[in-house]
PDB file of all heavy atoms in Angstrom:
ATOM      1  N   GLY A   1       0.817  -1.213   0.000  1.00  0.00           N
ATOM      2  CA  GLY A   1       0.000   0.000   0.000  1.00  0.00           C
ATOM      3  C   GLY A   1       0.849   1.260   0.000  1.00  0.00           C
ATOM      4  O   GLY A   1       0.567   2.215  -0.726  1.00  0.00           O
ATOM      5  N   LEU A   2       1.925   1.261   0.806  1.00  0.00           N
ATOM      6  CA  LEU A   2       2.812   2.428   0.836  1.00  0.00           C
ATOM      7  C   LEU A   2       3.546   2.597  -0.481  1.00  0.00           C
ATOM      8  O   LEU A   2       3.764   3.729  -0.944  1.00  0.00           O
ATOM      9  CB  LEU A   2       3.817   2.276   1.983  1.00  0.00           C
ATOM     10  CG  LEU A   2       3.249   2.370   3.402  1.00  0.00           C
ATOM     11  CD1 LEU A   2       4.346   2.134   4.430  1.00  0.00           C
ATOM     12  CD2 LEU A   2       2.586   3.723   3.634  1.00  0.00           C
ATOM     13  N   ALA A   3       3.959   1.479  -1.092  1.00  0.00           N
ATOM     14  CA  ALA A   3       4.653   1.562  -2.373  1.00  0.00           C
ATOM     15  C   ALA A   3       3.762   2.161  -3.455  1.00  0.00           C
ATOM     16  O   ALA A   3       4.246   2.814  -4.380  1.00  0.00           O
ATOM     17  CB  ALA A   3       5.134   0.173  -2.791  1.00  0.00           C
ATOM     18  N   LEU A   4       2.466   1.936  -3.369  1.00  0.00           N
ATOM     19  CA  LEU A   4       1.535   2.515  -4.337  1.00  0.00           C
ATOM     20  C   LEU A   4       1.131   3.935  -3.968  1.00  0.00           C
ATOM     21  O   LEU A   4       0.901   4.772  -4.843  1.00  0.00           O
ATOM     22  CB  LEU A   4       0.280   1.632  -4.449  1.00  0.00           C
ATOM     23  CG  LEU A   4       0.491   0.214  -4.986  1.00  0.00           C
ATOM     24  CD1 LEU A   4      -0.824  -0.548  -4.959  1.00  0.00           C
ATOM     25  CD2 LEU A   4       1.071   0.244  -6.388  1.00  0.00           C
ATOM     26  N   LEU A   5       1.055   4.210  -2.656  1.00  0.00           N
ATOM     27  CA  LEU A   5       0.584   5.515  -2.212  1.00  0.00           C
ATOM     28  C   LEU A   5       1.644   6.592  -2.378  1.00  0.00           C
ATOM     29  O   LEU A   5       1.327   7.718  -2.773  1.00  0.00           O
ATOM     30  CB  LEU A   5       0.147   5.427  -0.749  1.00  0.00           C
ATOM     31  CG  LEU A   5      -0.354   6.726  -0.109  1.00  0.00           C
ATOM     32  CD1 LEU A   5      -1.597   7.223  -0.840  1.00  0.00           C
ATOM     33  CD2 LEU A   5      -0.658   6.509   1.366  1.00  0.00           C
ATOM     34  N   MET A   6       2.913   6.266  -2.076  1.00  0.00           N
ATOM     35  CA  MET A   6       3.959   7.288  -2.112  1.00  0.00           C
ATOM     36  C   MET A   6       4.143   7.889  -3.509  1.00  0.00           C
ATOM     37  O   MET A   6       4.182   9.129  -3.652  1.00  0.00           O
ATOM     38  CB  MET A   6       5.276   6.713  -1.592  1.00  0.00           C
ATOM     39  CG  MET A   6       6.396   7.735  -1.505  1.00  0.00           C
ATOM     40  SD  MET A   6       7.919   7.041  -0.839  1.00  0.00           S
ATOM     41  CE  MET A   6       7.388   6.662   0.842  1.00  0.00           C
ATOM     42  N   PRO A   7       4.263   7.079  -4.579  1.00  0.00           N
ATOM     43  CA  PRO A   7       4.383   7.711  -5.903  1.00  0.00           C
ATOM     44  C   PRO A   7       3.172   8.558  -6.257  1.00  0.00           C
ATOM     45  O   PRO A   7       3.317   9.643  -6.831  1.00  0.00           O
ATOM     46  CB  PRO A   7       4.536   6.514  -6.853  1.00  0.00           C
ATOM     47  CG  PRO A   7       5.024   5.396  -5.995  1.00  0.00           C
ATOM     48  CD  PRO A   7       4.388   5.623  -4.653  1.00  0.00           C
ATOM     49  N   ALA A   8       1.974   8.078  -5.918  1.00  0.00           N
ATOM     50  CA  ALA A   8       0.773   8.845  -6.229  1.00  0.00           C
ATOM     51  C   ALA A   8       0.769  10.179  -5.493  1.00  0.00           C
ATOM     52  O   ALA A   8       0.410  11.224  -6.053  1.00  0.00           O
ATOM     53  CB  ALA A   8      -0.471   8.038  -5.869  1.00  0.00           C
ATOM     54  N   LEU A   9       1.200  10.163  -4.222  1.00  0.00           N
ATOM     55  CA  LEU A   9       1.232  11.389  -3.431  1.00  0.00           C
ATOM     56  C   LEU A   9       2.246  12.382  -3.987  1.00  0.00           C
ATOM     57  O   LEU A   9       1.965  13.585  -4.102  1.00  0.00           O
ATOM     58  CB  LEU A   9       1.552  11.054  -1.979  1.00  0.00           C
ATOM     59  CG  LEU A   9       1.685  12.234  -1.014  1.00  0.00           C
ATOM     60  CD1 LEU A   9       0.368  12.998  -0.943  1.00  0.00           C
ATOM     61  CD2 LEU A   9       2.085  11.761   0.370  1.00  0.00           C
ATOM     62  N   LEU A  10       3.430  11.899  -4.350  1.00  0.00           N
ATOM     63  CA  LEU A  10       4.460  12.800  -4.835  1.00  0.00           C
ATOM     64  C   LEU A  10       4.131  13.323  -6.235  1.00  0.00           C
ATOM     65  O   LEU A  10       4.441  14.467  -6.563  1.00  0.00           O
ATOM     66  CB  LEU A  10       5.806  12.075  -4.839  1.00  0.00           C
ATOM     67  CG  LEU A  10       6.325  11.728  -3.442  1.00  0.00           C
ATOM     68  CD1 LEU A  10       7.609  10.926  -3.518  1.00  0.00           C
ATOM     69  CD2 LEU A  10       6.564  12.995  -2.625  1.00  0.00           C
ATOM     70  N   ILE A  11       3.502  12.504  -7.065  1.00  0.00           N
ATOM     71  CA  ILE A  11       3.041  12.998  -8.364  1.00  0.00           C
ATOM     72  C   ILE A  11       1.972  14.072  -8.169  1.00  0.00           C
ATOM     73  O   ILE A  11       1.941  15.076  -8.891  1.00  0.00           O
ATOM     74  CB  ILE A  11       2.505  11.828  -9.215  1.00  0.00           C
ATOM     75  CG1 ILE A  11       3.655  10.906  -9.616  1.00  0.00           C
ATOM     76  CG2 ILE A  11       1.781  12.344 -10.444  1.00  0.00           C
ATOM     77  CD1 ILE A  11       3.203   9.664 -10.344  1.00  0.00           C
ATOM     78  N   PHE A  12       1.124  13.882  -7.167  1.00  0.00           N
ATOM     79  CA  PHE A  12       0.108  14.888  -6.856  1.00  0.00           C
ATOM     80  C   PHE A  12       0.761  16.202  -6.437  1.00  0.00           C
ATOM     81  O   PHE A  12       0.288  17.288  -6.786  1.00  0.00           O
ATOM     82  CB  PHE A  12      -0.802  14.359  -5.747  1.00  0.00           C
ATOM     83  CG  PHE A  12      -1.961  15.254  -5.433  1.00  0.00           C
ATOM     84  CD1 PHE A  12      -3.036  15.337  -6.297  1.00  0.00           C
ATOM     85  CD2 PHE A  12      -1.972  16.011  -4.277  1.00  0.00           C
ATOM     86  CE1 PHE A  12      -4.106  16.165  -6.011  1.00  0.00           C
ATOM     87  CE2 PHE A  12      -3.037  16.838  -3.976  1.00  0.00           C
ATOM     88  CZ  PHE A  12      -4.108  16.918  -4.861  1.00  0.00           C
ATOM     89  N   ILE A  13       1.878  16.117  -5.672  1.00  0.00           N
ATOM     90  CA  ILE A  13       2.597  17.330  -5.268  1.00  0.00           C
ATOM     91  C   ILE A  13       3.206  18.014  -6.484  1.00  0.00           C
ATOM     92  O   ILE A  13       3.169  19.249  -6.611  1.00  0.00           O
ATOM     93  CB  ILE A  13       3.679  16.976  -4.236  1.00  0.00           C
ATOM     94  CG1 ILE A  13       3.026  16.485  -2.933  1.00  0.00           C
ATOM     95  CG2 ILE A  13       4.582  18.166  -3.954  1.00  0.00           C
ATOM     96  CD1 ILE A  13       4.022  16.011  -1.893  1.00  0.00           C
ATOM     97  N   LEU A  14       3.770  17.225  -7.407  1.00  0.00           N
ATOM     98  CA  LEU A  14       4.358  17.807  -8.608  1.00  0.00           C
ATOM     99  C   LEU A  14       3.307  18.509  -9.471  1.00  0.00           C
ATOM    100  O   LEU A  14       3.613  19.481 -10.166  1.00  0.00           O
ATOM    101  CB  LEU A  14       5.050  16.721  -9.429  1.00  0.00           C
ATOM    102  CG  LEU A  14       6.392  16.198  -8.885  1.00  0.00           C
ATOM    103  CD1 LEU A  14       6.928  15.112  -9.782  1.00  0.00           C
ATOM    104  CD2 LEU A  14       7.399  17.326  -8.765  1.00  0.00           C
ATOM    105  N   LEU A  15       2.079  18.021  -9.424  1.00  0.00           N
ATOM    106  CA  LEU A  15       1.001  18.635 -10.199  1.00  0.00           C
ATOM    107  C   LEU A  15       0.390  19.839  -9.492  1.00  0.00           C
ATOM    108  O   LEU A  15      -0.584  20.407  -9.992  1.00  0.00           O
ATOM    109  CB  LEU A  15      -0.095  17.601 -10.479  1.00  0.00           C
ATOM    110  CG  LEU A  15       0.278  16.452 -11.418  1.00  0.00           C
ATOM    111  CD1 LEU A  15      -0.885  15.473 -11.545  1.00  0.00           C
ATOM    112  CD2 LEU A  15       0.678  16.978 -12.788  1.00  0.00           C
ATOM    113  N   GLY A  16       0.965  20.220  -8.329  1.00  0.00           N
ATOM    114  CA  GLY A  16       0.418  21.327  -7.554  1.00  0.00           C
ATOM    115  C   GLY A  16       0.252  22.620  -8.329  1.00  0.00           C
ATOM    116  O   GLY A  16      -0.828  23.224  -8.313  1.00  0.00           O
ATOM    117  N   PRO A  17       1.292  23.094  -9.049  1.00  0.00           N
ATOM    118  CA  PRO A  17       1.114  24.344  -9.804  1.00  0.00           C
ATOM    119  C   PRO A  17       0.005  24.269 -10.839  1.00  0.00           C
ATOM    120  O   PRO A  17      -0.723  25.235 -11.053  1.00  0.00           O
ATOM    121  CB  PRO A  17       2.493  24.534 -10.453  1.00  0.00           C
ATOM    122  CG  PRO A  17       3.436  23.814  -9.560  1.00  0.00           C
ATOM    123  CD  PRO A  17       2.683  22.625  -9.057  1.00  0.00           C
ATOM    124  N   TRP A  18      -0.125  23.117 -11.514  1.00  0.00           N
ATOM    125  CA  TRP A  18      -1.188  22.975 -12.510  1.00  0.00           C
ATOM    126  C   TRP A  18      -2.559  22.938 -11.840  1.00  0.00           C
ATOM    127  O   TRP A  18      -3.517  23.552 -12.314  1.00  0.00           O
ATOM    128  CB  TRP A  18      -0.956  21.714 -13.335  1.00  0.00           C
ATOM    129  CG  TRP A  18      -2.022  21.482 -14.370  1.00  0.00           C
ATOM    130  CD1 TRP A  18      -2.163  22.120 -15.570  1.00  0.00           C
ATOM    131  CD2 TRP A  18      -3.105  20.556 -14.279  1.00  0.00           C
ATOM    132  NE1 TRP A  18      -3.276  21.640 -16.237  1.00  0.00           N
ATOM    133  CE2 TRP A  18      -3.869  20.678 -15.469  1.00  0.00           C
ATOM    134  CE3 TRP A  18      -3.506  19.628 -13.319  1.00  0.00           C
ATOM    135  CZ2 TRP A  18      -4.995  19.917 -15.708  1.00  0.00           C
ATOM    136  CZ3 TRP A  18      -4.635  18.866 -13.562  1.00  0.00           C
ATOM    137  CH2 TRP A  18      -5.364  19.012 -14.738  1.00  0.00           C
ATOM    138  N   LEU A  19      -2.666  22.191 -10.729  1.00  0.00           N
ATOM    139  CA  LEU A  19      -3.946  22.122 -10.019  1.00  0.00           C
ATOM    140  C   LEU A  19      -4.323  23.472  -9.424  1.00  0.00           C
ATOM    141  O   LEU A  19      -5.510  23.769  -9.259  1.00  0.00           O
ATOM    142  CB  LEU A  19      -3.870  21.066  -8.912  1.00  0.00           C
ATOM    143  CG  LEU A  19      -3.716  19.613  -9.373  1.00  0.00           C
ATOM    144  CD1 LEU A  19      -3.500  18.701  -8.178  1.00  0.00           C
ATOM    145  CD2 LEU A  19      -4.941  19.174 -10.161  1.00  0.00           C
ATOM    146  N   ASP A  20      -3.318  24.291  -9.106  1.00  0.00           N
ATOM    147  CA  ASP A  20      -3.596  25.601  -8.517  1.00  0.00           C
ATOM    148  C   ASP A  20      -4.150  26.581  -9.543  1.00  0.00           C
ATOM    149  O   ASP A  20      -4.654  27.639  -9.177  1.00  0.00           O
ATOM    150  CB  ASP A  20      -2.326  26.169  -7.886  1.00  0.00           C
ATOM    151  CG  ASP A  20      -2.630  27.049  -6.691  1.00  0.00           C
ATOM    152  OD1 ASP A  20      -3.485  26.661  -5.871  1.00  0.00           O
ATOM    153  OD2 ASP A  20      -2.026  28.132  -6.570  1.00  0.00           O
ATOM    154  N   SER A  21      -4.033  26.231 -10.832  1.00  0.00           N
ATOM    155  CA  SER A  21      -4.602  27.100 -11.874  1.00  0.00           C
ATOM    156  C   SER A  21      -6.063  26.771 -12.161  1.00  0.00           C
ATOM    157  O   SER A  21      -6.689  27.441 -12.988  1.00  0.00           O
ATOM    158  CB  SER A  21      -3.777  26.968 -13.159  1.00  0.00           C
ATOM    159  OG  SER A  21      -3.875  25.658 -13.686  1.00  0.00           O
ATOM    160  N   LYS A  22      -6.601  25.751 -11.483  1.00  0.00           N
ATOM    161  CA  LYS A  22      -7.979  25.326 -11.709  1.00  0.00           C
ATOM    162  C   LYS A  22      -8.902  25.902 -10.626  1.00  0.00           C
ATOM    163  O   LYS A  22      -8.503  26.046  -9.480  1.00  0.00           O
ATOM    164  CB  LYS A  22      -8.067  23.792 -11.718  1.00  0.00           C
ATOM    165  CG  LYS A  22      -7.138  23.134 -12.722  1.00  0.00           C
ATOM    166  CD  LYS A  22      -7.420  23.584 -14.142  1.00  0.00           C
ATOM    167  CE  LYS A  22      -6.476  22.941 -15.136  1.00  0.00           C
ATOM    168  NZ  LYS A  22      -6.695  23.421 -16.518  1.00  0.00           N
ATOM    169  N   ASP A  23     -10.112  26.226 -11.030  1.00  0.00           N
ATOM    170  CA  ASP A  23     -11.150  26.707 -10.110  1.00  0.00           C
ATOM    171  C   ASP A  23     -10.645  27.874  -9.265  1.00  0.00           C
ATOM    172  O   ASP A  23     -10.719  27.874  -8.030  1.00  0.00           O
ATOM    173  CB  ASP A  23     -11.623  25.563  -9.203  1.00  0.00           C
ATOM    174  CG  ASP A  23     -12.874  25.931  -8.416  1.00  0.00           C
ATOM    175  OD1 ASP A  23     -13.606  26.837  -8.856  1.00  0.00           O
ATOM    176  OD2 ASP A  23     -13.090  25.330  -7.343  1.00  0.00           O
ATOM    177  N   VAL A  24     -10.111  28.887  -9.930  1.00  0.00           N
ATOM    178  CA  VAL A  24      -9.592  30.069  -9.229  1.00  0.00           C
ATOM    179  C   VAL A  24     -10.769  30.907  -8.733  1.00  0.00           C
ATOM    180  O   VAL A  24     -11.681  31.236  -9.499  1.00  0.00           O
ATOM    181  CB  VAL A  24      -8.690  30.895 -10.163  1.00  0.00           C
ATOM    182  CG1 VAL A  24      -8.194  32.145  -9.448  1.00  0.00           C
ATOM    183  CG2 VAL A  24      -7.518  30.050 -10.646  1.00  0.00           C
ATOM    184  N   GLN A  25     -10.747  31.235  -7.457  1.00  0.00           N
ATOM    185  CA  GLN A  25     -11.785  32.048  -6.842  1.00  0.00           C
ATOM    186  C   GLN A  25     -11.172  33.286  -6.196  1.00  0.00           C
ATOM    187  O   GLN A  25     -10.010  33.257  -5.758  1.00  0.00           O
ATOM    188  CB  GLN A  25     -12.553  31.240  -5.792  1.00  0.00           C
ATOM    189  CG  GLN A  25     -13.307  30.045  -6.356  1.00  0.00           C
ATOM    190  CD  GLN A  25     -14.092  29.305  -5.300  1.00  0.00           C
ATOM    191  OE1 GLN A  25     -14.182  29.760  -4.148  1.00  0.00           O
ATOM    192  NE2 GLN A  25     -14.680  28.170  -5.660  1.00  0.00           N
ATOM    193  N   THR A  26     -11.944  34.350  -6.152  1.00  0.00           N
ATOM    194  CA  THR A  26     -11.479  35.604  -5.556  1.00  0.00           C
ATOM    195  C   THR A  26     -11.993  35.707  -4.123  1.00  0.00           C
ATOM    196  O   THR A  26     -13.203  35.638  -3.883  1.00  0.00           O
ATOM    197  CB  THR A  26     -11.975  36.810  -6.372  1.00  0.00           C
ATOM    198  OG1 THR A  26     -11.480  36.708  -7.713  1.00  0.00           O
ATOM    199  CG2 THR A  26     -11.482  38.113  -5.748  1.00  0.00           C
ATOM    200  N   LEU A  27     -11.049  35.831  -3.178  1.00  0.00           N
ATOM    201  CA  LEU A  27     -11.390  35.987  -1.771  1.00  0.00           C
ATOM    202  C   LEU A  27     -11.157  37.431  -1.364  1.00  0.00           C
ATOM    203  O   LEU A  27     -10.121  38.017  -1.683  1.00  0.00           O
ATOM    204  CB  LEU A  27     -10.530  35.054  -0.902  1.00  0.00           C
ATOM    205  CG  LEU A  27     -10.565  33.559  -1.238  1.00  0.00           C
ATOM    206  CD1 LEU A  27      -9.693  32.775  -0.256  1.00  0.00           C
ATOM    207  CD2 LEU A  27     -11.989  33.034  -1.214  1.00  0.00           C
ATOM    208  N   GLU A  28     -12.139  38.012  -0.676  1.00  0.00           N
ATOM    209  CA  GLU A  28     -12.007  39.375  -0.175  1.00  0.00           C
ATOM    210  C   GLU A  28     -11.436  39.319   1.236  1.00  0.00           C
ATOM    211  O   GLU A  28     -12.072  38.784   2.154  1.00  0.00           O
ATOM    212  CB  GLU A  28     -13.361  40.076  -0.189  1.00  0.00           C
ATOM    213  CG  GLU A  28     -13.942  40.235  -1.586  1.00  0.00           C
ATOM    214  CD  GLU A  28     -15.244  41.018  -1.587  1.00  0.00           C
ATOM    215  OE1 GLU A  28     -15.694  41.423  -0.484  1.00  0.00           O
ATOM    216  OE2 GLU A  28     -15.811  41.219  -2.688  1.00  0.00           O
ATOM    217  N   CYS A  29     -10.230  39.849   1.396  1.00  0.00           N
ATOM    218  CA  CYS A  29      -9.502  39.717   2.666  1.00  0.00           C
ATOM    219  C   CYS A  29      -9.009  41.083   3.128  1.00  0.00           C
ATOM    220  O   CYS A  29      -8.559  41.911   2.318  1.00  0.00           O
ATOM    221  CB  CYS A  29      -8.308  38.775   2.507  1.00  0.00           C
ATOM    222  SG  CYS A  29      -8.714  37.196   1.702  1.00  0.00           S
ATOM    223  N   GLU A  30      -9.064  41.290   4.437  1.00  0.00           N
ATOM    224  CA  GLU A  30      -8.553  42.526   5.039  1.00  0.00           C
ATOM    225  C   GLU A  30      -7.093  42.321   5.425  1.00  0.00           C
ATOM    226  O   GLU A  30      -6.757  41.442   6.205  1.00  0.00           O
ATOM    227  CB  GLU A  30      -9.375  42.894   6.274  1.00  0.00           C
ATOM    228  CG  GLU A  30      -8.908  44.186   6.929  1.00  0.00           C
ATOM    229  CD  GLU A  30      -9.676  44.489   8.195  1.00  0.00           C
ATOM    230  OE1 GLU A  30     -10.598  43.705   8.532  1.00  0.00           O
ATOM    231  OE2 GLU A  30      -9.344  45.492   8.880  1.00  0.00           O
ATOM    232  N   VAL A  31      -6.224  43.165   4.882  1.00  0.00           N
ATOM    233  CA  VAL A  31      -4.783  43.043   5.105  1.00  0.00           C
ATOM    234  C   VAL A  31      -4.416  43.676   6.445  1.00  0.00           C
ATOM    235  O   VAL A  31      -4.801  44.818   6.733  1.00  0.00           O
ATOM    236  CB  VAL A  31      -3.999  43.710   3.960  1.00  0.00           C
ATOM    237  CG1 VAL A  31      -2.503  43.689   4.246  1.00  0.00           C
ATOM    238  CG2 VAL A  31      -4.303  43.030   2.640  1.00  0.00           C
ATOM    239  N   VAL A  32      -3.681  42.934   7.252  1.00  0.00           N
ATOM    240  CA  VAL A  32      -3.214  43.464   8.538  1.00  0.00           C
ATOM    241  C   VAL A  32      -1.700  43.631   8.565  1.00  0.00           C
ATOM    242  O   VAL A  32      -1.164  44.364   9.392  1.00  0.00           O
ATOM    243  CB  VAL A  32      -3.655  42.548   9.697  1.00  0.00           C
ATOM    244  CG1 VAL A  32      -5.173  42.503   9.794  1.00  0.00           C
ATOM    245  CG2 VAL A  32      -3.099  41.135   9.537  1.00  0.00           C
ATOM    246  N   ALA A  33      -0.968  42.949   7.670  1.00  0.00           N
ATOM    247  CA  ALA A  33       0.490  43.082   7.613  1.00  0.00           C
ATOM    248  C   ALA A  33       0.977  42.489   6.311  1.00  0.00           C
ATOM    249  O   ALA A  33       0.345  41.599   5.720  1.00  0.00           O
ATOM    250  CB  ALA A  33       1.156  42.388   8.793  1.00  0.00           C
ATOM    251  N   ALA A  34       2.126  43.004   5.825  1.00  0.00           N
ATOM    252  CA  ALA A  34       2.767  42.483   4.614  1.00  0.00           C
ATOM    253  C   ALA A  34       4.268  42.653   4.767  1.00  0.00           C
ATOM    254  O   ALA A  34       4.742  43.738   5.123  1.00  0.00           O
ATOM    255  CB  ALA A  34       2.258  43.214   3.373  1.00  0.00           C
ATOM    256  N   GLU A  35       5.002  41.585   4.519  1.00  0.00           N
ATOM    257  CA  GLU A  35       6.453  41.631   4.686  1.00  0.00           C
ATOM    258  C   GLU A  35       7.148  40.840   3.585  1.00  0.00           C
ATOM    259  O   GLU A  35       6.663  39.789   3.165  1.00  0.00           O
ATOM    260  CB  GLU A  35       6.856  41.062   6.052  1.00  0.00           C
ATOM    261  CG  GLU A  35       6.389  39.636   6.298  1.00  0.00           C
ATOM    262  CD  GLU A  35       6.827  39.117   7.650  1.00  0.00           C
ATOM    263  OE1 GLU A  35       7.579  39.824   8.329  1.00  0.00           O
ATOM    264  OE2 GLU A  35       6.423  37.995   8.006  1.00  0.00           O
ATOM    265  N   PRO A  36       8.293  41.360   3.103  1.00  0.00           N
ATOM    266  CA  PRO A  36       9.051  40.619   2.088  1.00  0.00           C
ATOM    267  C   PRO A  36       9.818  39.473   2.743  1.00  0.00           C
ATOM    268  O   PRO A  36      10.326  39.605   3.859  1.00  0.00           O
ATOM    269  CB  PRO A  36       9.996  41.677   1.512  1.00  0.00           C
ATOM    270  CG  PRO A  36      10.187  42.649   2.631  1.00  0.00           C
ATOM    271  CD  PRO A  36       8.887  42.679   3.395  1.00  0.00           C
ATOM    272  N   VAL A  37       9.905  38.344   2.049  1.00  0.00           N
ATOM    273  CA  VAL A  37      10.608  37.179   2.582  1.00  0.00           C
ATOM    274  C   VAL A  37      11.419  36.550   1.453  1.00  0.00           C
ATOM    275  O   VAL A  37      11.185  36.783   0.270  1.00  0.00           O
ATOM    276  CB  VAL A  37       9.629  36.133   3.168  1.00  0.00           C
ATOM    277  CG1 VAL A  37       8.916  36.677   4.380  1.00  0.00           C
ATOM    278  CG2 VAL A  37       8.645  35.667   2.118  1.00  0.00           C
TER     279      VAL A  37
END
């Protein structure tokens, strides 16, 4: 089970940027602080 789950999980992580481009929603948020890092 772990041998099958680990590759699937890591492939899912690699697809993170692509998945983050799907179903984009706008959230209205009140800013309390902003700092460069």
